[in-house]
Amino acid sequence: LLILQARHIYICEYHKCLIQSVRNKRRRKDSEDDSNENDESPDVDLFQLQVNTLRRYKKYFKVTSRPGLNKAQLAETLLKHFKTIPVVEKDVLSFFFYTVKSNTNKLDQKNGNTGENT
């Protein structure tokens, strides 16, 4: 019998994130079974975002974390923060419909840009 073994202990970032996301889904499912089943939150995969995007999220929301985190650790930290943000579905949907219909973004208007060419 020929038994093949991996001769390295390192794992690529893609497979590491894939394994962690499966583990997180299992933990969430187990904890959801114990808690209220009506409290469903959608799964958001921050592991698919680029590191620069994760850093911008961290800076915008002023999330504190230890320095030198790799992409997977940063995504996991930000995912914990993301789940704590309260969401009013009616407001989110209204904002989305407004953005699509007017082809502008309300957030641009707050910064002084009206989205109009002057």
PDB file of N, CA and C in Angstrom:
ATOM      1  N   LEU A   1       0.822  -1.179   0.000  1.00  0.00           N
ATOM      2  CA  LEU A   1       0.000   0.000   0.000  1.00  0.00           C
ATOM      3  C   LEU A   1       0.865   1.241   0.000  1.00  0.00           C
ATOM      4  N   LEU A   2       0.452   2.174  -0.803  1.00  0.00           N
ATOM      5  CA  LEU A   2       1.162   3.440  -0.885  1.00  0.00           C
ATOM      6  C   LEU A   2       0.338   4.506  -0.169  1.00  0.00           C
ATOM      7  N   ILE A   3       0.874   5.084   0.862  1.00  0.00           N
ATOM      8  CA  ILE A   3       0.171   6.112   1.620  1.00  0.00           C
ATOM      9  C   ILE A   3       0.834   7.449   1.320  1.00  0.00           C
ATOM     10  N   LEU A   4       0.037   8.392   0.833  1.00  0.00           N
ATOM     11  CA  LEU A   4       0.552   9.724   0.521  1.00  0.00           C
ATOM     12  C   LEU A   4       0.289  10.659   1.693  1.00  0.00           C
ATOM     13  N   GLN A   5       1.278  11.392   2.032  1.00  0.00           N
ATOM     14  CA  GLN A   5       1.135  12.369   3.096  1.00  0.00           C
ATOM     15  C   GLN A   5       1.636  13.713   2.596  1.00  0.00           C
ATOM     16  N   ALA A   6       0.995  14.750   3.050  1.00  0.00           N
ATOM     17  CA  ALA A   6       1.451  16.091   2.699  1.00  0.00           C
ATOM     18  C   ALA A   6       2.740  16.375   3.454  1.00  0.00           C
ATOM     19  N   ARG A   7       3.711  16.893   2.740  1.00  0.00           N
ATOM     20  CA  ARG A   7       5.006  17.157   3.351  1.00  0.00           C
ATOM     21  C   ARG A   7       5.142  18.602   3.833  1.00  0.00           C
ATOM     22  N   HIS A   8       4.062  19.356   3.760  1.00  0.00           N
ATOM     23  CA  HIS A   8       4.137  20.736   4.219  1.00  0.00           C
ATOM     24  C   HIS A   8       3.075  20.983   5.283  1.00  0.00           C
ATOM     25  N   ILE A   9       3.320  21.976   6.098  1.00  0.00           N
ATOM     26  CA  ILE A   9       2.359  22.297   7.155  1.00  0.00           C
ATOM     27  C   ILE A   9       1.625  23.606   6.854  1.00  0.00           C
ATOM     28  N   TYR A  10       1.968  24.247   5.765  1.00  0.00           N
ATOM     29  CA  TYR A  10       1.351  25.507   5.420  1.00  0.00           C
ATOM     30  C   TYR A  10       0.114  25.263   4.562  1.00  0.00           C
ATOM     31  N   ILE A  11      -0.802  26.227   4.585  1.00  0.00           N
ATOM     32  CA  ILE A  11      -2.013  26.130   3.784  1.00  0.00           C
ATOM     33  C   ILE A  11      -2.202  27.472   3.083  1.00  0.00           C
ATOM     34  N   CYS A  12      -2.671  27.416   1.857  1.00  0.00           N
ATOM     35  CA  CYS A  12      -2.849  28.672   1.124  1.00  0.00           C
ATOM     36  C   CYS A  12      -4.014  29.466   1.729  1.00  0.00           C
ATOM     37  N   GLU A  13      -4.002  30.748   1.502  1.00  0.00           N
ATOM     38  CA  GLU A  13      -4.999  31.649   2.081  1.00  0.00           C
ATOM     39  C   GLU A  13      -6.415  31.273   1.658  1.00  0.00           C
ATOM     40  N   TYR A  14      -6.592  30.877   0.405  1.00  0.00           N
ATOM     41  CA  TYR A  14      -7.926  30.520  -0.100  1.00  0.00           C
ATOM     42  C   TYR A  14      -8.504  29.338   0.679  1.00  0.00           C
ATOM     43  N   HIS A  15      -7.730  28.267   0.825  1.00  0.00           N
ATOM     44  CA  HIS A  15      -8.230  27.084   1.515  1.00  0.00           C
ATOM     45  C   HIS A  15      -8.382  27.339   3.017  1.00  0.00           C
ATOM     46  N   LYS A  16      -7.525  28.174   3.573  1.00  0.00           N
ATOM     47  CA  LYS A  16      -7.649  28.520   4.977  1.00  0.00           C
ATOM     48  C   LYS A  16      -8.973  29.245   5.227  1.00  0.00           C
ATOM     49  N   CYS A  17      -9.297  30.213   4.371  1.00  0.00           N
ATOM     50  CA  CYS A  17     -10.558  30.942   4.505  1.00  0.00           C
ATOM     51  C   CYS A  17     -11.750  30.020   4.294  1.00  0.00           C
ATOM     52  N   LEU A  18     -11.631  29.115   3.352  1.00  0.00           N
ATOM     53  CA  LEU A  18     -12.713  28.166   3.082  1.00  0.00           C
ATOM     54  C   LEU A  18     -12.976  27.288   4.299  1.00  0.00           C
ATOM     55  N   ILE A  19     -11.928  26.785   4.903  1.00  0.00           N
ATOM     56  CA  ILE A  19     -12.076  25.943   6.092  1.00  0.00           C
ATOM     57  C   ILE A  19     -12.678  26.736   7.240  1.00  0.00           C
ATOM     58  N   GLN A  20     -12.195  27.969   7.450  1.00  0.00           N
ATOM     59  CA  GLN A  20     -12.715  28.787   8.538  1.00  0.00           C
ATOM     60  C   GLN A  20     -14.174  29.149   8.327  1.00  0.00           C
ATOM     61  N   SER A  21     -14.562  29.426   7.088  1.00  0.00           N
ATOM     62  CA  SER A  21     -15.955  29.781   6.842  1.00  0.00           C
ATOM     63  C   SER A  21     -16.874  28.586   7.110  1.00  0.00           C
ATOM     64  N   VAL A  22     -16.439  27.383   6.777  1.00  0.00           N
ATOM     65  CA  VAL A  22     -17.239  26.185   7.068  1.00  0.00           C
ATOM     66  C   VAL A  22     -17.331  25.981   8.569  1.00  0.00           C
ATOM     67  N   ARG A  23     -16.244  26.176   9.269  1.00  0.00           N
ATOM     68  CA  ARG A  23     -16.264  26.044  10.732  1.00  0.00           C
ATOM     69  C   ARG A  23     -17.203  27.069  11.353  1.00  0.00           C
ATOM     70  N   ASN A  24     -17.143  28.311  10.874  1.00  0.00           N
ATOM     71  CA  ASN A  24     -18.011  29.358  11.412  1.00  0.00           C
ATOM     72  C   ASN A  24     -19.477  29.045  11.159  1.00  0.00           C
ATOM     73  N   LYS A  25     -19.794  28.512   9.988  1.00  0.00           N
ATOM     74  CA  LYS A  25     -21.176  28.156   9.680  1.00  0.00           C
ATOM     75  C   LYS A  25     -21.661  27.054  10.606  1.00  0.00           C
ATOM     76  N   ARG A  26     -20.811  26.098  10.896  1.00  0.00           N
ATOM     77  CA  ARG A  26     -21.194  25.021  11.821  1.00  0.00           C
ATOM     78  C   ARG A  26     -21.456  25.570  13.207  1.00  0.00           C
ATOM     79  N   ARG A  27     -20.588  26.442  13.681  1.00  0.00           N
ATOM     80  CA  ARG A  27     -20.774  27.036  15.015  1.00  0.00           C
ATOM     81  C   ARG A  27     -22.060  27.827  15.078  1.00  0.00           C
ATOM     82  N   ARG A  28     -22.317  28.624  14.028  1.00  0.00           N
ATOM     83  CA  ARG A  28     -23.530  29.441  14.007  1.00  0.00           C
ATOM     84  C   ARG A  28     -24.771  28.564  14.009  1.00  0.00           C
ATOM     85  N   LYS A  29     -24.759  27.491  13.240  1.00  0.00           N
ATOM     86  CA  LYS A  29     -25.919  26.600  13.189  1.00  0.00           C
ATOM     87  C   LYS A  29     -26.152  25.965  14.546  1.00  0.00           C
ATOM     88  N   ASP A  30     -25.082  25.542  15.208  1.00  0.00           N
ATOM     89  CA  ASP A  30     -25.231  24.948  16.537  1.00  0.00           C
ATOM     90  C   ASP A  30     -25.782  25.954  17.527  1.00  0.00           C
ATOM     91  N   SER A  31     -25.268  27.168  17.503  1.00  0.00           N
ATOM     92  CA  SER A  31     -25.731  28.182  18.446  1.00  0.00           C
ATOM     93  C   SER A  31     -27.136  28.651  18.107  1.00  0.00           C
ATOM     94  N   GLU A  32     -27.511  28.651  16.822  1.00  0.00           N
ATOM     95  CA  GLU A  32     -28.866  29.043  16.436  1.00  0.00           C
ATOM     96  C   GLU A  32     -29.878  28.011  16.899  1.00  0.00           C
ATOM     97  N   ASP A  33     -29.495  26.735  16.914  1.00  0.00           N
ATOM     98  CA  ASP A  33     -30.404  25.698  17.382  1.00  0.00           C
ATOM     99  C   ASP A  33     -30.719  25.890  18.863  1.00  0.00           C
ATOM    100  N   ASP A  34     -29.721  26.333  19.625  1.00  0.00           N
ATOM    101  CA  ASP A  34     -29.922  26.540  21.049  1.00  0.00           C
ATOM    102  C   ASP A  34     -30.699  27.811  21.347  1.00  0.00           C
ATOM    103  N   SER A  35     -30.573  28.808  20.490  1.00  0.00           N
ATOM    104  CA  SER A  35     -31.220  30.095  20.729  1.00  0.00           C
ATOM    105  C   SER A  35     -32.541  30.167  19.985  1.00  0.00           C
ATOM    106  N   ASN A  36     -33.080  31.371  19.879  1.00  0.00           N
ATOM    107  CA  ASN A  36     -34.351  31.598  19.221  1.00  0.00           C
ATOM    108  C   ASN A  36     -34.227  31.325  17.729  1.00  0.00           C
ATOM    109  N   GLU A  37     -35.066  30.440  17.195  1.00  0.00           N
ATOM    110  CA  GLU A  37     -34.972  30.084  15.781  1.00  0.00           C
ATOM    111  C   GLU A  37     -35.523  31.179  14.879  1.00  0.00           C
ATOM    112  N   ASN A  38     -36.322  32.100  15.391  1.00  0.00           N
ATOM    113  CA  ASN A  38     -36.872  33.185  14.581  1.00  0.00           C
ATOM    114  C   ASN A  38     -35.841  34.266  14.301  1.00  0.00           C
ATOM    115  N   ASP A  39     -34.757  34.277  15.056  1.00  0.00           N
ATOM    116  CA  ASP A  39     -33.712  35.289  14.898  1.00  0.00           C
ATOM    117  C   ASP A  39     -32.730  34.821  13.831  1.00  0.00           C
ATOM    118  N   GLU A  40     -33.077  35.029  12.564  1.00  0.00           N
ATOM    119  CA  GLU A  40     -32.224  34.604  11.469  1.00  0.00           C
ATOM    120  C   GLU A  40     -31.451  35.792  10.934  1.00  0.00           C
ATOM    121  N   SER A  41     -30.153  35.631  10.822  1.00  0.00           N
ATOM    122  CA  SER A  41     -29.331  36.671  10.217  1.00  0.00           C
ATOM    123  C   SER A  41     -28.686  36.072   8.966  1.00  0.00           C
ATOM    124  N   PRO A  42     -28.617  36.851   7.905  1.00  0.00           N
ATOM    125  CA  PRO A  42     -28.029  36.319   6.676  1.00  0.00           C
ATOM    126  C   PRO A  42     -26.529  36.097   6.842  1.00  0.00           C
ATOM    127  N   ASP A  43     -26.024  35.107   6.154  1.00  0.00           N
ATOM    128  CA  ASP A  43     -24.592  34.842   6.185  1.00  0.00           C
ATOM    129  C   ASP A  43     -23.885  35.828   5.269  1.00  0.00           C
ATOM    130  N   VAL A  44     -22.905  36.518   5.802  1.00  0.00           N
ATOM    131  CA  VAL A  44     -22.115  37.468   5.033  1.00  0.00           C
ATOM    132  C   VAL A  44     -20.687  36.950   5.033  1.00  0.00           C
ATOM    133  N   ASP A  45     -20.125  36.791   3.848  1.00  0.00           N
ATOM    134  CA  ASP A  45     -18.781  36.245   3.730  1.00  0.00           C
ATOM    135  C   ASP A  45     -17.783  37.376   3.496  1.00  0.00           C
ATOM    136  N   LEU A  46     -17.264  37.926   4.583  1.00  0.00           N
ATOM    137  CA  LEU A  46     -16.271  38.990   4.478  1.00  0.00           C
ATOM    138  C   LEU A  46     -14.920  38.455   4.007  1.00  0.00           C
ATOM    139  N   PHE A  47     -14.747  37.133   4.030  1.00  0.00           N
ATOM    140  CA  PHE A  47     -13.487  36.535   3.594  1.00  0.00           C
ATOM    141  C   PHE A  47     -13.261  36.725   2.100  1.00  0.00           C
ATOM    142  N   GLN A  48     -14.329  37.014   1.349  1.00  0.00           N
ATOM    143  CA  GLN A  48     -14.208  37.210  -0.095  1.00  0.00           C
ATOM    144  C   GLN A  48     -13.721  38.622  -0.448  1.00  0.00           C
ATOM    145  N   LEU A  49     -13.753  39.540   0.511  1.00  0.00           N
ATOM    146  CA  LEU A  49     -13.337  40.916   0.240  1.00  0.00           C
ATOM    147  C   LEU A  49     -11.817  41.034   0.233  1.00  0.00           C
ATOM    148  N   GLN A  50     -11.344  42.074  -0.431  1.00  0.00           N
ATOM    149  CA  GLN A  50      -9.907  42.327  -0.468  1.00  0.00           C
ATOM    150  C   GLN A  50      -9.465  42.940   0.858  1.00  0.00           C
ATOM    151  N   VAL A  51      -8.188  42.794   1.158  1.00  0.00           N
ATOM    152  CA  VAL A  51      -7.639  43.286   2.417  1.00  0.00           C
ATOM    153  C   VAL A  51      -7.845  44.800   2.538  1.00  0.00           C
ATOM    154  N   ASN A  52      -7.645  45.538   1.436  1.00  0.00           N
ATOM    155  CA  ASN A  52      -7.831  46.990   1.492  1.00  0.00           C
ATOM    156  C   ASN A  52      -9.268  47.350   1.850  1.00  0.00           C
ATOM    157  N   THR A  53     -10.231  46.610   1.344  1.00  0.00           N
ATOM    158  CA  THR A  53     -11.635  46.852   1.664  1.00  0.00           C
ATOM    159  C   THR A  53     -11.894  46.578   3.139  1.00  0.00           C
ATOM    160  N   LEU A  54     -11.322  45.511   3.654  1.00  0.00           N
ATOM    161  CA  LEU A  54     -11.476  45.197   5.076  1.00  0.00           C
ATOM    162  C   LEU A  54     -10.851  46.284   5.944  1.00  0.00           C
ATOM    163  N   ARG A  55      -9.719  46.799   5.526  1.00  0.00           N
ATOM    164  CA  ARG A  55      -9.066  47.875   6.282  1.00  0.00           C
ATOM    165  C   ARG A  55      -9.892  49.158   6.258  1.00  0.00           C
ATOM    166  N   ARG A  56     -10.510  49.454   5.107  1.00  0.00           N
ATOM    167  CA  ARG A  56     -11.375  50.638   5.013  1.00  0.00           C
ATOM    168  C   ARG A  56     -12.589  50.486   5.928  1.00  0.00           C
ATOM    169  N   TYR A  57     -13.166  49.288   5.970  1.00  0.00           N
ATOM    170  CA  TYR A  57     -14.287  49.004   6.869  1.00  0.00           C
ATOM    171  C   TYR A  57     -13.849  49.237   8.316  1.00  0.00           C
ATOM    172  N   LYS A  58     -12.686  48.699   8.666  1.00  0.00           N
ATOM    173  CA  LYS A  58     -12.160  48.828  10.024  1.00  0.00           C
ATOM    174  C   LYS A  58     -11.964  50.299  10.392  1.00  0.00           C
ATOM    175  N   LYS A  59     -11.411  51.060   9.466  1.00  0.00           N
ATOM    176  CA  LYS A  59     -11.159  52.477   9.716  1.00  0.00           C
ATOM    177  C   LYS A  59     -12.468  53.261   9.813  1.00  0.00           C
ATOM    178  N   TYR A  60     -13.413  52.984   8.926  1.00  0.00           N
ATOM    179  CA  TYR A  60     -14.678  53.716   8.904  1.00  0.00           C
ATOM    180  C   TYR A  60     -15.466  53.507  10.200  1.00  0.00           C
ATOM    181  N   PHE A  61     -15.546  52.271  10.661  1.00  0.00           N
ATOM    182  CA  PHE A  61     -16.302  51.965  11.864  1.00  0.00           C
ATOM    183  C   PHE A  61     -15.457  52.029  13.132  1.00  0.00           C
ATOM    184  N   LYS A  62     -14.176  52.376  12.986  1.00  0.00           N
ATOM    185  CA  LYS A  62     -13.262  52.518  14.116  1.00  0.00           C
ATOM    186  C   LYS A  62     -13.229  51.261  14.973  1.00  0.00           C
ATOM    187  N   VAL A  63     -13.082  50.132  14.310  1.00  0.00           N
ATOM    188  CA  VAL A  63     -12.998  48.844  14.996  1.00  0.00           C
ATOM    189  C   VAL A  63     -11.584  48.680  15.523  1.00  0.00           C
ATOM    190  N   THR A  64     -11.479  48.375  16.797  1.00  0.00           N
ATOM    191  CA  THR A  64     -10.148  48.182  17.381  1.00  0.00           C
ATOM    192  C   THR A  64      -9.756  46.718  17.288  1.00  0.00           C
ATOM    193  N   SER A  65      -8.511  46.501  16.923  1.00  0.00           N
ATOM    194  CA  SER A  65      -7.960  45.147  16.859  1.00  0.00           C
ATOM    195  C   SER A  65      -6.455  45.258  17.030  1.00  0.00           C
ATOM    196  N   ARG A  66      -5.864  44.152  17.300  1.00  0.00           N
ATOM    197  CA  ARG A  66      -4.407  44.186  17.461  1.00  0.00           C
ATOM    198  C   ARG A  66      -3.753  44.350  16.082  1.00  0.00           C
ATOM    199  N   PRO A  67      -2.616  45.001  16.033  1.00  0.00           N
ATOM    200  CA  PRO A  67      -1.964  45.230  14.737  1.00  0.00           C
ATOM    201  C   PRO A  67      -1.361  43.949  14.173  1.00  0.00           C
ATOM    202  N   GLY A  68      -1.195  43.929  12.866  1.00  0.00           N
ATOM    203  CA  GLY A  68      -0.524  42.820  12.202  1.00  0.00           C
ATOM    204  C   GLY A  68      -1.401  41.612  11.930  1.00  0.00           C
ATOM    205  N   LEU A  69      -2.713  41.803  11.887  1.00  0.00           N
ATOM    206  CA  LEU A  69      -3.600  40.680  11.596  1.00  0.00           C
ATOM    207  C   LEU A  69      -3.518  40.310  10.122  1.00  0.00           C
ATOM    208  N   ASN A  70      -3.602  39.008   9.828  1.00  0.00           N
ATOM    209  CA  ASN A  70      -3.666  38.608   8.427  1.00  0.00           C
ATOM    210  C   ASN A  70      -5.106  38.758   7.942  1.00  0.00           C
ATOM    211  N   LYS A  71      -5.334  38.484   6.685  1.00  0.00           N
ATOM    212  CA  LYS A  71      -6.649  38.710   6.082  1.00  0.00           C
ATOM    213  C   LYS A  71      -7.747  37.920   6.797  1.00  0.00           C
ATOM    214  N   ALA A  72      -7.504  36.664   7.076  1.00  0.00           N
ATOM    215  CA  ALA A  72      -8.516  35.818   7.712  1.00  0.00           C
ATOM    216  C   ALA A  72      -8.858  36.311   9.117  1.00  0.00           C
ATOM    217  N   GLN A  73      -7.843  36.684   9.885  1.00  0.00           N
ATOM    218  CA  GLN A  73      -8.074  37.187  11.233  1.00  0.00           C
ATOM    219  C   GLN A  73      -8.830  38.512  11.202  1.00  0.00           C
ATOM    220  N   LEU A  74      -8.457  39.385  10.264  1.00  0.00           N
ATOM    221  CA  LEU A  74      -9.130  40.671  10.135  1.00  0.00           C
ATOM    222  C   LEU A  74     -10.592  40.474   9.737  1.00  0.00           C
ATOM    223  N   ALA A  75     -10.832  39.585   8.785  1.00  0.00           N
ATOM    224  CA  ALA A  75     -12.209  39.317   8.353  1.00  0.00           C
ATOM    225  C   ALA A  75     -13.035  38.752   9.497  1.00  0.00           C
ATOM    226  N   GLU A  76     -12.457  37.871  10.279  1.00  0.00           N
ATOM    227  CA  GLU A  76     -13.181  37.283  11.415  1.00  0.00           C
ATOM    228  C   GLU A  76     -13.513  38.346  12.465  1.00  0.00           C
ATOM    229  N   THR A  77     -12.573  39.237  12.742  1.00  0.00           N
ATOM    230  CA  THR A  77     -12.803  40.317  13.694  1.00  0.00           C
ATOM    231  C   THR A  77     -13.912  41.247  13.203  1.00  0.00           C
ATOM    232  N   LEU A  78     -13.861  41.598  11.915  1.00  0.00           N
ATOM    233  CA  LEU A  78     -14.863  42.501  11.358  1.00  0.00           C
ATOM    234  C   LEU A  78     -16.229  41.831  11.245  1.00  0.00           C
ATOM    235  N   LEU A  79     -16.245  40.529  11.056  1.00  0.00           N
ATOM    236  CA  LEU A  79     -17.520  39.805  10.995  1.00  0.00           C
ATOM    237  C   LEU A  79     -18.228  39.875  12.344  1.00  0.00           C
ATOM    238  N   LYS A  80     -17.475  39.767  13.413  1.00  0.00           N
ATOM    239  CA  LYS A  80     -18.064  39.909  14.756  1.00  0.00           C
ATOM    240  C   LYS A  80     -18.673  41.299  14.913  1.00  0.00           C
ATOM    241  N   HIS A  81     -17.956  42.324  14.451  1.00  0.00           N
ATOM    242  CA  HIS A  81     -18.475  43.684  14.529  1.00  0.00           C
ATOM    243  C   HIS A  81     -19.706  43.845  13.644  1.00  0.00           C
ATOM    244  N   PHE A  82     -19.642  43.304  12.438  1.00  0.00           N
ATOM    245  CA  PHE A  82     -20.736  43.433  11.475  1.00  0.00           C
ATOM    246  C   PHE A  82     -22.044  42.888  12.042  1.00  0.00           C
ATOM    247  N   LYS A  83     -21.958  41.804  12.776  1.00  0.00           N
ATOM    248  CA  LYS A  83     -23.156  41.185  13.343  1.00  0.00           C
ATOM    249  C   LYS A  83     -23.776  42.009  14.468  1.00  0.00           C
ATOM    250  N   THR A  84     -23.024  42.967  15.015  1.00  0.00           N
ATOM    251  CA  THR A  84     -23.557  43.786  16.105  1.00  0.00           C
ATOM    252  C   THR A  84     -24.279  45.032  15.604  1.00  0.00           C
ATOM    253  N   ILE A  85     -24.183  45.320  14.311  1.00  0.00           N
ATOM    254  CA  ILE A  85     -24.800  46.529  13.764  1.00  0.00           C
ATOM    255  C   ILE A  85     -26.307  46.314  13.647  1.00  0.00           C
ATOM    256  N   PRO A  86     -27.100  47.173  14.310  1.00  0.00           N
ATOM    257  CA  PRO A  86     -28.558  47.028  14.199  1.00  0.00           C
ATOM    258  C   PRO A  86     -29.028  47.481  12.813  1.00  0.00           C
ATOM    259  N   VAL A  87     -29.983  46.759  12.258  1.00  0.00           N
ATOM    260  CA  VAL A  87     -30.477  47.059  10.917  1.00  0.00           C
ATOM    261  C   VAL A  87     -31.995  47.186  10.962  1.00  0.00           C
ATOM    262  N   VAL A  88     -32.496  48.302  10.448  1.00  0.00           N
ATOM    263  CA  VAL A  88     -33.931  48.489  10.298  1.00  0.00           C
ATOM    264  C   VAL A  88     -34.239  48.200   8.830  1.00  0.00           C
ATOM    265  N   GLU A  89     -34.859  47.052   8.575  1.00  0.00           N
ATOM    266  CA  GLU A  89     -35.040  46.584   7.202  1.00  0.00           C
ATOM    267  C   GLU A  89     -35.792  47.599   6.342  1.00  0.00           C
ATOM    268  N   LYS A  90     -36.792  48.235   6.907  1.00  0.00           N
ATOM    269  CA  LYS A  90     -37.588  49.203   6.145  1.00  0.00           C
ATOM    270  C   LYS A  90     -36.702  50.351   5.657  1.00  0.00           C
ATOM    271  N   ASP A  91     -35.842  50.857   6.522  1.00  0.00           N
ATOM    272  CA  ASP A  91     -34.947  51.951   6.135  1.00  0.00           C
ATOM    273  C   ASP A  91     -33.943  51.506   5.075  1.00  0.00           C
ATOM    274  N   VAL A  92     -33.405  50.318   5.236  1.00  0.00           N
ATOM    275  CA  VAL A  92     -32.421  49.814   4.280  1.00  0.00           C
ATOM    276  C   VAL A  92     -33.054  49.637   2.905  1.00  0.00           C
ATOM    277  N   LEU A  93     -34.241  49.050   2.881  1.00  0.00           N
ATOM    278  CA  LEU A  93     -34.917  48.851   1.596  1.00  0.00           C
ATOM    279  C   LEU A  93     -35.301  50.180   0.960  1.00  0.00           C
ATOM    280  N   SER A  94     -35.784  51.123   1.764  1.00  0.00           N
ATOM    281  CA  SER A  94     -36.126  52.442   1.234  1.00  0.00           C
ATOM    282  C   SER A  94     -34.908  53.116   0.631  1.00  0.00           C
ATOM    283  N   PHE A  95     -33.785  53.045   1.339  1.00  0.00           N
ATOM    284  CA  PHE A  95     -32.547  53.632   0.844  1.00  0.00           C
ATOM    285  C   PHE A  95     -32.114  52.966  -0.457  1.00  0.00           C
ATOM    286  N   PHE A  96     -32.221  51.635  -0.513  1.00  0.00           N
ATOM    287  CA  PHE A  96     -31.844  50.904  -1.714  1.00  0.00           C
ATOM    288  C   PHE A  96     -32.707  51.311  -2.901  1.00  0.00           C
ATOM    289  N   PHE A  97     -34.028  51.356  -2.699  1.00  0.00           N
ATOM    290  CA  PHE A  97     -34.928  51.740  -3.786  1.00  0.00           C
ATOM    291  C   PHE A  97     -34.665  53.171  -4.243  1.00  0.00           C
ATOM    292  N   TYR A  98     -34.419  54.071  -3.295  1.00  0.00           N
ATOM    293  CA  TYR A  98     -34.112  55.460  -3.637  1.00  0.00           C
ATOM    294  C   TYR A  98     -32.848  55.528  -4.496  1.00  0.00           C
ATOM    295  N   THR A  99     -31.829  54.792  -4.080  1.00  0.00           N
ATOM    296  CA  THR A  99     -30.555  54.802  -4.799  1.00  0.00           C
ATOM    297  C   THR A  99     -30.719  54.286  -6.220  1.00  0.00           C
ATOM    298  N   VAL A 100     -31.459  53.189  -6.376  1.00  0.00           N
ATOM    299  CA  VAL A 100     -31.656  52.616  -7.698  1.00  0.00           C
ATOM    300  C   VAL A 100     -32.495  53.539  -8.573  1.00  0.00           C
ATOM    301  N   LYS A 101     -33.576  54.080  -8.005  1.00  0.00           N
ATOM    302  CA  LYS A 101     -34.488  54.912  -8.787  1.00  0.00           C
ATOM    303  C   LYS A 101     -33.848  56.231  -9.216  1.00  0.00           C
ATOM    304  N   SER A 102     -33.122  56.865  -8.312  1.00  0.00           N
ATOM    305  CA  SER A 102     -32.542  58.171  -8.618  1.00  0.00           C
ATOM    306  C   SER A 102     -31.146  58.075  -9.223  1.00  0.00           C
ATOM    307  N   ASN A 103     -30.575  56.885  -9.219  1.00  0.00           N
ATOM    308  CA  ASN A 103     -29.232  56.662  -9.748  1.00  0.00           C
ATOM    309  C   ASN A 103     -28.195  57.523  -9.030  1.00  0.00           C
ATOM    310  N   THR A 104     -28.464  57.846  -7.780  1.00  0.00           N
ATOM    311  CA  THR A 104     -27.518  58.584  -6.936  1.00  0.00           C
ATOM    312  C   THR A 104     -27.458  57.912  -5.580  1.00  0.00           C
ATOM    313  N   ASN A 105     -26.639  58.461  -4.728  1.00  0.00           N
ATOM    314  CA  ASN A 105     -26.453  57.903  -3.405  1.00  0.00           C
ATOM    315  C   ASN A 105     -26.636  59.009  -2.380  1.00  0.00           C
ATOM    316  N   LYS A 106     -27.492  58.809  -1.395  1.00  0.00           N
ATOM    317  CA  LYS A 106     -27.714  59.810  -0.351  1.00  0.00           C
ATOM    318  C   LYS A 106     -26.424  60.138   0.387  1.00  0.00           C
ATOM    319  N   LEU A 107     -25.546  59.160   0.521  1.00  0.00           N
ATOM    320  CA  LEU A 107     -24.304  59.399   1.242  1.00  0.00           C
ATOM    321  C   LEU A 107     -23.428  60.406   0.506  1.00  0.00           C
ATOM    322  N   ASP A 108     -23.503  60.441  -0.826  1.00  0.00           N
ATOM    323  CA  ASP A 108     -22.759  61.440  -1.586  1.00  0.00           C
ATOM    324  C   ASP A 108     -23.256  62.834  -1.257  1.00  0.00           C
ATOM    325  N   GLN A 109     -24.543  62.991  -1.050  1.00  0.00           N
ATOM    326  CA  GLN A 109     -25.123  64.297  -0.753  1.00  0.00           C
ATOM    327  C   GLN A 109     -24.658  64.803   0.603  1.00  0.00           C
ATOM    328  N   LYS A 110     -24.441  63.915   1.558  1.00  0.00           N
ATOM    329  CA  LYS A 110     -23.961  64.316   2.878  1.00  0.00           C
ATOM    330  C   LYS A 110     -22.560  64.907   2.800  1.00  0.00           C
ATOM    331  N   ASN A 111     -21.794  64.458   1.826  1.00  0.00           N
ATOM    332  CA  ASN A 111     -20.430  64.946   1.669  1.00  0.00           C
ATOM    333  C   ASN A 111     -20.354  66.219   0.838  1.00  0.00           C
ATOM    334  N   GLY A 112     -21.512  66.766   0.462  1.00  0.00           N
ATOM    335  CA  GLY A 112     -21.509  67.984  -0.315  1.00  0.00           C
ATOM    336  C   GLY A 112     -21.684  67.768  -1.791  1.00  0.00           C
ATOM    337  N   ASN A 113     -21.636  66.515  -2.251  1.00  0.00           N
ATOM    338  CA  ASN A 113     -21.832  66.212  -3.653  1.00  0.00           C
ATOM    339  C   ASN A 113     -23.310  65.889  -3.867  1.00  0.00           C
ATOM    340  N   THR A 114     -23.918  66.493  -4.864  1.00  0.00           N
ATOM    341  CA  THR A 114     -25.328  66.235  -5.111  1.00  0.00           C
ATOM    342  C   THR A 114     -25.514  65.202  -6.189  1.00  0.00           C
ATOM    343  N   GLY A 115     -24.455  64.803  -6.852  1.00  0.00           N
ATOM    344  CA  GLY A 115     -24.567  63.824  -7.907  1.00  0.00           C
ATOM    345  C   GLY A 115     -24.945  64.467  -9.243  1.00  0.00           C
ATOM    346  N   GLU A 116     -25.114  65.786  -9.226  1.00  0.00           N
ATOM    347  CA  GLU A 116     -25.475  66.505 -10.442  1.00  0.00           C
ATOM    348  C   GLU A 116     -24.233  67.151 -11.043  1.00  0.00           C
ATOM    349  N   ASN A 117     -24.196  67.237 -12.343  1.00  0.00           N
ATOM    350  CA  ASN A 117     -23.085  67.916 -12.998  1.00  0.00           C
ATOM    351  C   ASN A 117     -23.374  69.406 -13.046  1.00  0.00           C
ATOM    352  N   THR A 118     -22.538  70.207 -12.449  1.00  0.00           N
ATOM    353  CA  THR A 118     -22.724  71.668 -12.460  1.00  0.00           C
ATOM    354  C   THR A 118     -21.624  72.347 -13.198  1.00  0.00           C
TER     355      THR A 118
END
